[in-house]
Amino acid sequence: MNKPLHVVILAAGAGTRMQSNKLKVLHQLAGLAMVDHVLQLAQSLKPVQITMVFGHQGEQLIQHHQDQNVNWAEQKQQLGTGHAVQQAVKFFNEDEDVLVLYGDAPLVQNKDLANLQGQQFVLTANLAEPTGYGRIIRSGKYIDAIVEQKDANPKQLAIQEINSGIIQAPAKKLKLWLNQLSNNNQQQEYYLTDVIGLAAKDGSPFIAVQLDDADAVKGANDMAQLAELEDIMQQRRRHEQMKKGVHLIHPQSVDIRGLLTCGKDVVVDKGVIFEGNNQLGNDVHIGAYSVIKNCKLASGTVIEPHSMLDQVVTTGACQIGPFARLRPGTKVADGCKIGNFVEIKKTQLGSNSKASHLSYLGDAIIGKDVNIGAGTITCNYDGVNKFTTEIKDGAFIGSDSQLVAPVVIGTNATIGAGSTITKDAPDEQLTLSRSRQRSVEHWQKPRKK
């Protein structure tokens, strides 16, 4: 029977090479902070405890995770990875296994760890270019020691199997080995890797578990490395979607910054960005260079190129774009058409309603079979308060109209082009407001001076 699992996440590094005021582990990767990927991995392993070790700019980390159920352990001085884990010892229970993860190494996946509970191990990888990593010294599957780059001799530097830094051990033994650590090395730091040698001397050696994907050990210490991690993460996500049947026309140009769930026969064109949690039904088409954020798009929805959708729900097959911007609170029914240069905010459109071009619809309830002419604006804001415009079924709004909320446009009503409507328009009637047309005699065009 496996012991309860306690995950320790090391996130105390200063990250000076990032050249940023933001804590290193809070820099984003595929739409989440690096440390959030690690925390999600930890949570997926169903631990009984998670302890986060913080240090430099720690207030940023605590604020970022204020809603998470984690223990907080402060590393006031940066004295090495062994010293960092020592700060978490006060939370150890002796019946637990302790897994150590790193807040700036977000590419490890659940499949790398899920079958290792109850084992005492070190995650390793074979790298063609191992410079900078600790080398694995082993006898068979058991590890004799891990030698850091700066302390390695030429023979050890030639070894290509490297230490990921991720280890798991029984809490009782790990606590004992941590107490024996020394800083007698070039960096004068307490290395967590020295625990492995101490374990071997005690006759309880760690086993080496080599990762199938060597990229999983990579971390980010500067913006260039962060960009490399982004490429790896995006490649993984695109591959996952294509294996599920999503047609990415130009895969390397698509970014998935969050969760993406797709039905069958979904097509995504070049340059599309998905952010947050998006759900796409069957036969959804996303046009080139569109941005889709936290949307739920029903089967048959077509998004034309260069459109931006944020927290939008479609409830049936409809067409949106090109160059449309749909903001939070927009709900679009089947048969609707939202055309180019239309902006919509907090508005519901009923079946078969259309706003084909050059309009702003905010805080509106629009019925079915409504036609919104070009240049129509719902004037929803008086400078202090927002008000609602209601347009009932079958209404026709002429081009260049202003509907000053709060106002109701009746069923099958027609609004004449160029009208400013400040009062409710009755059902079945033509309503318009225009100045009397006249021509000015003797008027002359301005001339260039």
Protein backbone atom coordinates (compact mmCIF):
# COMPACT_ATOMS: atom_id res chain seq x y z
CA MET A 1 0.00 0.00 0.00
CA ASN A 2 1.39 3.40 -1.00
CA LYS A 3 2.08 5.99 1.64
CA PRO A 4 0.35 9.39 1.65
CA LEU A 5 2.13 11.80 -0.69
CA HIS A 6 3.51 15.19 0.32
CA VAL A 7 4.65 17.41 -2.58
CA VAL A 8 7.21 20.14 -1.95
CA ILE A 9 7.50 22.83 -4.65
CA LEU A 10 10.69 24.90 -4.61
CA ALA A 11 9.94 28.46 -5.74
CA ALA A 12 12.36 30.62 -3.78
CA GLY A 13 14.86 31.50 -6.51
CA ALA A 14 15.62 35.15 -7.17
CA GLY A 15 15.54 34.75 -10.95
CA THR A 16 17.85 37.70 -11.56
CA ARG A 17 18.60 36.61 -15.13
CA MET A 18 14.98 37.27 -16.04
CA GLN A 19 15.76 41.00 -15.71
CA SER A 20 12.21 41.53 -14.42
CA ASN A 21 10.39 42.90 -11.39
CA LYS A 22 8.13 39.86 -11.57
CA LEU A 23 9.05 36.73 -9.63
CA LYS A 24 10.59 34.21 -12.04
CA VAL A 25 8.09 31.40 -11.46
CA LEU A 26 5.17 33.77 -12.15
CA HIS A 27 6.21 34.39 -15.75
CA GLN A 28 3.66 32.86 -18.06
CA LEU A 29 3.97 29.72 -20.11
CA ALA A 30 1.08 28.73 -22.40
CA GLY A 31 -1.30 31.03 -20.56
CA LEU A 32 -0.39 30.07 -16.98
CA ALA A 33 2.41 31.03 -14.62
CA MET A 34 5.21 28.45 -14.69
CA VAL A 35 4.53 27.56 -11.07
CA ASP A 36 0.83 27.01 -11.83
CA HIS A 37 1.73 24.20 -14.22
CA VAL A 38 3.79 22.62 -11.43
CA LEU A 39 1.01 23.11 -8.88
CA GLN A 40 -1.53 21.50 -11.23
CA LEU A 41 0.84 18.56 -11.67
CA ALA A 42 1.16 18.23 -7.90
CA GLN A 43 -2.61 18.36 -7.43
CA SER A 44 -3.14 15.71 -10.11
CA LEU A 45 -1.13 13.26 -7.97
CA LYS A 46 -3.70 13.57 -5.15
CA PRO A 47 -1.27 14.49 -2.34
CA VAL A 48 -2.31 14.94 1.26
CA GLN A 49 -0.14 18.05 1.52
CA ILE A 50 1.55 20.56 -0.76
CA THR A 51 4.24 22.83 0.62
CA MET A 52 5.49 25.83 -1.35
CA VAL A 53 8.97 27.10 -0.45
CA PHE A 54 9.22 30.84 -1.11
CA GLY A 55 11.93 33.47 -0.70
CA HIS A 56 12.81 36.44 -2.89
CA GLN A 57 9.66 38.45 -3.79
CA GLY A 58 7.68 35.83 -1.93
CA GLU A 59 4.78 38.18 -1.33
CA GLN A 60 4.02 37.96 -5.07
CA LEU A 61 3.81 34.18 -4.87
CA ILE A 62 1.62 34.18 -1.78
CA GLN A 63 -0.73 36.73 -3.34
CA HIS A 64 -0.89 34.72 -6.56
CA HIS A 65 -1.84 31.53 -4.69
CA GLN A 66 -3.92 33.06 -1.94
CA ASP A 67 -6.87 30.77 -2.78
CA GLN A 68 -4.80 27.58 -2.87
CA ASN A 69 -4.59 25.10 -0.01
CA VAL A 70 -0.81 24.95 0.46
CA ASN A 71 1.67 25.21 3.30
CA TRP A 72 4.11 28.13 3.11
CA ALA A 73 7.77 27.68 4.07
CA GLU A 74 10.14 30.64 3.81
CA GLN A 75 13.76 30.32 2.72
CA LYS A 76 15.17 33.60 4.01
CA GLN A 77 18.68 32.97 2.63
CA GLN A 78 19.39 31.34 -0.71
CA LEU A 79 21.71 28.57 0.47
CA GLY A 80 20.92 25.87 -2.07
CA THR A 81 18.24 23.35 -2.93
CA GLY A 82 18.97 21.15 0.09
CA HIS A 83 18.57 24.16 2.35
CA ALA A 84 15.28 25.01 0.59
CA VAL A 85 13.84 21.56 1.29
CA GLN A 86 15.02 21.82 4.90
CA GLN A 87 12.59 24.72 5.34
CA ALA A 88 9.69 22.38 4.54
CA VAL A 89 10.71 19.67 7.02
CA LYS A 90 8.50 21.13 9.75
CA PHE A 91 5.46 20.06 7.72
CA PHE A 92 6.64 16.46 7.16
CA ASN A 93 4.74 13.56 8.67
CA GLU A 94 6.85 10.43 9.05
CA ASP A 95 4.32 8.18 7.32
CA GLU A 96 4.51 10.23 4.09
CA ASP A 97 6.52 10.02 0.90
CA VAL A 98 7.93 13.42 -0.10
CA LEU A 99 8.15 14.42 -3.77
CA VAL A 100 10.25 17.50 -4.59
CA LEU A 101 9.29 19.55 -7.68
CA TYR A 102 10.60 22.85 -9.03
CA GLY A 103 8.50 25.93 -9.74
CA ASP A 104 10.58 26.87 -12.78
CA ALA A 105 10.51 23.39 -14.38
CA PRO A 106 6.95 23.14 -15.70
CA LEU A 107 7.29 20.51 -18.45
CA VAL A 108 7.07 17.39 -16.29
CA GLN A 109 3.73 15.65 -16.81
CA ASN A 110 1.47 13.46 -14.73
CA LYS A 111 2.35 10.41 -16.86
CA ASP A 112 6.00 10.85 -15.80
CA LEU A 113 5.13 10.44 -12.12
CA ALA A 114 1.74 8.74 -11.76
CA ASN A 115 3.13 5.19 -11.60
CA LEU A 116 5.98 5.98 -9.23
CA GLN A 117 4.14 6.44 -5.95
CA GLY A 118 5.73 4.49 -3.14
CA GLN A 119 9.16 4.44 -4.82
CA GLN A 120 12.38 6.19 -3.85
CA PHE A 121 13.65 7.66 -7.09
CA VAL A 122 15.36 10.44 -9.02
CA LEU A 123 14.01 11.52 -12.41
CA THR A 124 16.82 11.55 -14.96
CA ALA A 125 17.22 12.21 -18.67
CA ASN A 126 19.80 11.59 -21.38
CA LEU A 127 20.95 14.82 -23.02
CA ALA A 128 23.24 15.13 -26.02
CA GLU A 129 24.47 18.40 -24.49
CA PRO A 130 24.40 17.95 -20.67
CA THR A 131 26.39 21.08 -19.78
CA GLY A 132 25.08 22.77 -16.68
CA TYR A 133 23.35 19.72 -15.21
CA GLY A 134 24.38 17.39 -12.40
CA ARG A 135 25.63 14.01 -13.70
CA ILE A 136 24.22 10.67 -12.58
CA ILE A 137 26.78 8.22 -11.18
CA ARG A 138 25.11 4.84 -10.92
CA SER A 139 25.48 1.07 -10.55
CA GLY A 140 22.74 -0.57 -12.57
CA LYS A 141 19.43 1.09 -11.75
CA TYR A 142 20.72 2.41 -8.42
CA ILE A 143 22.38 5.82 -8.09
CA ASP A 144 25.67 6.09 -6.21
CA ALA A 145 25.88 9.88 -6.38
CA ILE A 146 24.98 12.99 -8.35
CA VAL A 147 27.88 15.29 -9.14
CA GLU A 148 27.20 18.94 -9.93
CA GLN A 149 28.76 20.45 -13.08
CA LYS A 150 31.14 22.70 -11.15
CA ASP A 151 32.36 19.83 -8.98
CA ALA A 152 32.69 17.18 -11.70
CA ASN A 153 35.97 15.80 -13.06
CA PRO A 154 36.53 15.29 -16.82
CA LYS A 155 35.33 11.67 -16.73
CA GLN A 156 32.14 12.66 -14.94
CA LEU A 157 31.53 15.58 -17.30
CA ALA A 158 31.43 13.09 -20.19
CA ILE A 159 28.34 11.40 -18.69
CA GLN A 160 25.16 12.30 -20.59
CA GLU A 161 22.59 11.11 -18.04
CA ILE A 162 21.62 14.13 -15.98
CA ASN A 163 19.66 14.91 -12.86
CA SER A 164 16.28 16.61 -13.25
CA GLY A 165 16.33 17.65 -9.59
CA ILE A 166 13.04 15.84 -8.97
CA ILE A 167 13.30 13.24 -6.23
CA GLN A 168 10.95 11.25 -4.04
CA ALA A 169 11.79 9.56 -0.72
CA PRO A 170 10.16 8.55 2.57
CA ALA A 171 9.82 11.60 4.79
CA LYS A 172 11.53 9.94 7.77
CA LYS A 173 14.65 9.04 5.75
CA LEU A 174 14.73 12.28 3.79
CA LYS A 175 14.66 14.30 7.00
CA LEU A 176 17.62 12.30 8.34
CA TRP A 177 19.67 12.82 5.15
CA LEU A 178 18.84 16.52 4.99
CA ASN A 179 20.26 16.94 8.49
CA GLN A 180 23.58 15.48 7.28
CA LEU A 181 24.08 17.87 4.36
CA SER A 182 27.30 19.89 4.14
CA ASN A 183 28.15 23.03 2.18
CA ASN A 184 31.73 21.91 1.53
CA ASN A 185 31.69 22.64 -2.21
CA GLN A 186 32.60 25.43 -4.62
CA GLN A 187 29.27 27.19 -4.20
CA GLN A 188 29.18 26.72 -0.43
CA GLU A 189 25.59 25.59 -0.76
CA TYR A 190 23.60 22.69 0.64
CA TYR A 191 22.82 20.53 -2.40
CA LEU A 192 19.73 18.37 -2.40
CA THR A 193 21.66 16.09 -4.76
CA ASP A 194 24.01 15.14 -1.90
CA VAL A 195 21.08 13.31 -0.32
CA ILE A 196 21.46 10.67 -3.02
CA GLY A 197 25.05 9.86 -2.01
CA LEU A 198 24.08 9.75 1.66
CA ALA A 199 21.25 7.34 0.86
CA ALA A 200 23.64 5.06 -1.05
CA LYS A 201 26.03 4.99 1.95
CA ASP A 202 23.10 4.03 4.19
CA GLY A 203 22.26 1.10 1.96
CA SER A 204 19.03 2.74 0.77
CA PRO A 205 19.99 3.94 -2.69
CA PHE A 206 17.70 5.89 -4.98
CA ILE A 207 16.74 4.35 -8.31
CA ALA A 208 17.12 6.28 -11.56
CA VAL A 209 13.89 6.72 -13.53
CA GLN A 210 14.77 8.00 -16.98
CA LEU A 211 12.25 10.24 -18.73
CA ASP A 212 11.09 9.28 -22.21
CA ASP A 213 10.96 12.96 -23.16
CA ALA A 214 14.24 14.61 -22.21
CA ASP A 215 12.70 18.05 -22.77
CA ALA A 216 10.70 17.56 -19.58
CA VAL A 217 13.75 18.38 -17.44
CA LYS A 218 14.19 21.82 -18.95
CA GLY A 219 13.62 24.91 -16.85
CA ALA A 220 13.74 28.65 -17.50
CA ASN A 221 16.31 31.01 -16.04
CA ASP A 222 15.98 33.77 -18.64
CA MET A 223 13.57 34.94 -21.29
CA ALA A 224 15.29 32.96 -24.04
CA GLN A 225 14.84 29.72 -22.10
CA LEU A 226 11.24 30.66 -21.32
CA ALA A 227 10.60 31.06 -25.05
CA GLU A 228 12.11 27.61 -25.62
CA LEU A 229 9.74 26.11 -23.04
CA GLU A 230 6.82 27.86 -24.74
CA ASP A 231 7.74 26.24 -28.05
CA ILE A 232 7.89 22.80 -26.45
CA MET A 233 4.60 23.25 -24.61
CA GLN A 234 2.80 24.53 -27.70
CA GLN A 235 4.14 21.68 -29.81
CA ARG A 236 2.81 19.20 -27.26
CA ARG A 237 -0.63 20.81 -27.20
CA ARG A 238 -0.95 21.07 -30.96
CA HIS A 239 0.10 17.45 -31.38
CA GLU A 240 -2.47 16.40 -28.77
CA GLN A 241 -5.27 18.23 -30.62
CA MET A 242 -4.30 16.82 -34.00
CA LYS A 243 -4.21 13.28 -32.56
CA LYS A 244 -7.81 13.91 -31.48
CA GLY A 245 -8.79 14.87 -35.03
CA VAL A 246 -8.59 18.66 -34.99
CA HIS A 247 -7.43 20.04 -38.34
CA LEU A 248 -4.77 22.65 -37.70
CA ILE A 249 -4.03 24.01 -41.17
CA HIS A 250 -0.72 25.61 -40.17
CA PRO A 251 0.05 23.95 -36.83
CA GLN A 252 3.21 25.81 -35.84
CA SER A 253 1.39 29.16 -35.98
CA VAL A 254 -1.43 28.18 -33.58
CA ASP A 255 -1.09 28.92 -29.84
CA ILE A 256 -3.13 27.12 -27.17
CA ARG A 257 -2.79 29.10 -23.95
CA GLY A 258 -5.09 27.18 -21.67
CA LEU A 259 -7.63 24.37 -22.10
CA LEU A 260 -9.13 23.52 -25.48
CA THR A 261 -11.89 20.94 -25.95
CA CYS A 262 -13.01 20.18 -29.49
CA GLY A 263 -15.70 18.11 -31.18
CA LYS A 264 -15.32 16.40 -34.53
CA ASP A 265 -14.24 18.08 -37.78
CA VAL A 266 -13.01 21.28 -36.16
CA VAL A 267 -10.82 23.37 -38.47
CA VAL A 268 -8.40 26.00 -37.19
CA ASP A 269 -6.62 28.26 -39.66
CA LYS A 270 -3.26 29.98 -39.45
CA GLY A 271 -2.27 32.28 -36.61
CA VAL A 272 -5.17 31.53 -34.24
CA ILE A 273 -4.69 32.07 -30.49
CA PHE A 274 -6.78 30.26 -27.89
CA GLU A 275 -6.72 31.67 -24.35
CA GLY A 276 -8.35 30.38 -21.18
CA ASN A 277 -10.94 27.60 -21.33
CA ASN A 278 -12.49 27.11 -24.76
CA GLN A 279 -15.04 24.53 -25.88
CA LEU A 280 -15.70 24.02 -29.59
CA GLY A 281 -18.53 21.87 -30.94
CA ASN A 282 -18.55 19.78 -34.10
CA ASP A 283 -17.76 21.45 -37.43
CA VAL A 284 -16.56 24.71 -35.89
CA HIS A 285 -14.25 26.70 -38.18
CA ILE A 286 -11.91 29.34 -36.78
CA GLY A 287 -10.56 31.79 -39.36
CA ALA A 288 -6.99 32.97 -39.61
CA TYR A 289 -5.50 35.31 -37.00
CA SER A 290 -8.50 35.18 -34.68
CA VAL A 291 -8.27 35.29 -30.89
CA ILE A 292 -10.68 33.05 -28.96
CA LYS A 293 -10.79 33.47 -25.18
CA ASN A 294 -12.99 31.56 -22.72
CA CYS A 295 -15.66 30.82 -25.33
CA LYS A 296 -18.23 28.07 -25.83
CA LEU A 297 -18.98 27.76 -29.54
CA ALA A 298 -21.80 25.51 -30.69
CA SER A 299 -21.58 23.08 -33.58
CA GLY A 300 -21.46 24.78 -36.96
CA THR A 301 -20.16 28.11 -35.70
CA VAL A 302 -17.94 29.83 -38.25
CA ILE A 303 -15.50 32.52 -37.12
CA GLU A 304 -14.14 34.47 -40.06
CA PRO A 305 -10.53 35.80 -40.03
CA HIS A 306 -9.21 38.53 -37.71
CA SER A 307 -12.03 38.26 -35.16
CA MET A 308 -11.72 38.59 -31.38
CA LEU A 309 -14.10 36.73 -29.07
CA ASP A 310 -13.97 36.95 -25.27
CA GLN A 311 -16.41 34.99 -23.08
CA VAL A 312 -18.81 34.45 -25.98
CA VAL A 313 -21.44 31.70 -26.20
CA THR A 314 -23.01 30.57 -29.44
CA THR A 315 -26.04 28.30 -29.20
CA GLY A 316 -26.26 27.19 -32.82
CA ALA A 317 -24.62 27.43 -36.22
CA CYS A 318 -23.84 31.08 -36.94
CA GLN A 319 -21.28 33.27 -38.71
CA ILE A 320 -19.07 35.83 -37.00
CA GLY A 321 -16.59 38.17 -38.67
CA PRO A 322 -14.32 38.96 -40.34
CA PHE A 323 -12.87 41.73 -38.13
CA ALA A 324 -15.59 41.34 -35.50
CA ARG A 325 -15.06 41.95 -31.79
CA LEU A 326 -17.38 40.16 -29.38
CA ARG A 327 -16.85 41.02 -25.73
CA PRO A 328 -17.92 39.32 -22.49
CA GLY A 329 -21.60 38.54 -22.05
CA THR A 330 -22.35 38.07 -25.75
CA LYS A 331 -24.70 35.22 -26.66
CA VAL A 332 -25.40 34.43 -30.30
CA ALA A 333 -28.17 32.08 -31.48
CA ASP A 334 -28.40 29.87 -34.56
CA GLY A 335 -28.58 31.51 -37.95
CA CYS A 336 -27.12 34.82 -36.78
CA LYS A 337 -24.59 36.79 -38.77
CA ILE A 338 -22.19 39.22 -37.14
CA GLY A 339 -20.22 40.96 -39.87
CA ASN A 340 -17.09 43.01 -40.28
CA PHE A 341 -16.25 45.81 -37.85
CA VAL A 342 -19.13 45.00 -35.51
CA GLU A 343 -18.49 45.25 -31.77
CA ILE A 344 -20.87 43.54 -29.34
CA LYS A 345 -20.84 43.61 -25.54
CA LYS A 346 -23.21 41.97 -23.03
CA THR A 347 -25.83 41.40 -25.71
CA GLN A 348 -28.07 38.50 -26.69
CA LEU A 349 -29.06 37.93 -30.30
CA GLY A 350 -32.00 35.68 -31.17
CA SER A 351 -32.16 33.24 -34.08
CA ASN A 352 -31.47 34.58 -37.58
CA SER A 353 -30.71 38.12 -36.47
CA LYS A 354 -28.04 40.02 -38.35
CA ALA A 355 -25.63 42.89 -37.77
CA SER A 356 -23.62 42.73 -40.96
CA HIS A 357 -21.24 45.67 -40.60
CA LEU A 358 -19.99 48.74 -38.75
CA SER A 359 -22.16 48.64 -35.62
CA TYR A 360 -21.84 48.76 -31.84
CA LEU A 361 -24.35 46.76 -29.80
CA GLY A 362 -23.90 47.01 -26.04
CA ASP A 363 -26.22 45.97 -23.20
CA ALA A 364 -28.93 44.84 -25.60
CA ILE A 365 -31.55 42.12 -25.86
CA ILE A 366 -32.22 41.42 -29.51
CA GLY A 367 -34.99 39.08 -30.63
CA LYS A 368 -35.08 36.77 -33.63
CA ASP A 369 -35.14 37.82 -37.31
CA VAL A 370 -33.88 41.31 -36.51
CA ASN A 371 -31.84 43.26 -39.06
CA ILE A 372 -29.35 45.82 -37.73
CA GLY A 373 -28.30 48.31 -40.41
CA ALA A 374 -24.77 49.54 -40.90
CA GLY A 375 -23.59 52.17 -38.45
CA THR A 376 -26.22 51.40 -35.80
CA ILE A 377 -25.29 52.16 -32.20
CA THR A 378 -27.02 51.25 -28.96
CA CYS A 379 -26.22 54.26 -26.77
CA ASN A 380 -26.03 52.32 -23.51
CA TYR A 381 -24.00 54.71 -21.34
CA ASP A 382 -24.96 58.15 -20.08
CA GLY A 383 -21.54 58.85 -18.61
CA VAL A 384 -22.41 57.31 -15.25
CA ASN A 385 -24.88 54.43 -15.69
CA LYS A 386 -25.48 51.65 -18.22
CA PHE A 387 -28.94 51.01 -19.67
CA THR A 388 -30.49 48.28 -21.80
CA THR A 389 -31.87 48.42 -25.32
CA GLU A 390 -34.49 45.84 -26.27
CA ILE A 391 -35.17 45.11 -29.92
CA LYS A 392 -38.08 42.72 -30.41
CA ASP A 393 -38.62 40.03 -33.05
CA GLY A 394 -38.67 41.04 -36.68
CA ALA A 395 -37.53 44.64 -36.19
CA PHE A 396 -35.60 46.42 -38.94
CA ILE A 397 -33.10 49.06 -37.85
CA GLY A 398 -32.08 51.43 -40.64
CA SER A 399 -28.47 52.35 -41.21
CA ASP A 400 -26.75 54.99 -39.07
CA SER A 401 -29.35 54.87 -36.29
CA GLN A 402 -28.72 55.65 -32.63
CA LEU A 403 -30.89 53.85 -30.08
CA VAL A 404 -30.60 55.77 -26.82
CA ALA A 405 -31.17 53.40 -23.91
CA PRO A 406 -33.29 52.62 -22.06
CA VAL A 407 -35.50 52.06 -25.08
CA VAL A 408 -37.67 49.32 -26.60
CA ILE A 409 -38.05 48.76 -30.33
CA GLY A 410 -41.33 46.92 -30.91
CA THR A 411 -42.11 43.73 -32.79
CA ASN A 412 -41.74 44.15 -36.57
CA ALA A 413 -40.99 47.83 -36.07
CA THR A 414 -38.94 49.73 -38.64
CA ILE A 415 -36.51 52.47 -37.73
CA GLY A 416 -35.74 54.86 -40.57
CA ALA A 417 -32.13 55.33 -41.53
CA GLY A 418 -30.28 58.13 -39.76
CA SER A 419 -32.69 58.25 -36.80
CA THR A 420 -31.93 58.97 -33.16
CA ILE A 421 -34.50 57.06 -31.10
CA THR A 422 -34.99 58.22 -27.52
CA LYS A 423 -38.50 56.83 -26.92
CA ASP A 424 -40.01 53.41 -27.35
CA ALA A 425 -40.92 52.58 -30.96
CA PRO A 426 -44.30 50.84 -31.40
CA ASP A 427 -44.91 47.47 -33.04
CA GLU A 428 -45.47 47.27 -36.80
CA GLN A 429 -44.80 50.98 -37.43
CA LEU A 430 -42.14 53.10 -39.10
CA THR A 431 -40.40 55.38 -36.62
CA LEU A 432 -37.88 57.98 -37.68
CA SER A 433 -36.39 61.24 -36.54
CA ARG A 434 -34.79 63.54 -39.11
CA SER A 435 -34.39 67.25 -39.63
CA ARG A 436 -36.33 68.60 -42.65
CA GLN A 437 -34.14 68.41 -45.74
CA ARG A 438 -33.19 71.72 -47.29
CA SER A 439 -30.60 73.15 -49.67
CA VAL A 440 -28.58 76.29 -48.92
CA GLU A 441 -28.44 78.77 -51.75
CA HIS A 442 -25.26 80.65 -52.59
CA TRP A 443 -23.16 78.21 -50.53
CA GLN A 444 -19.59 77.75 -51.74
CA LYS A 445 -17.12 74.98 -51.11
CA PRO A 446 -14.11 75.92 -49.00
CA ARG A 447 -11.02 76.67 -51.01
CA LYS A 448 -7.47 75.78 -50.21
CA LYS A 449 -5.61 78.75 -48.81
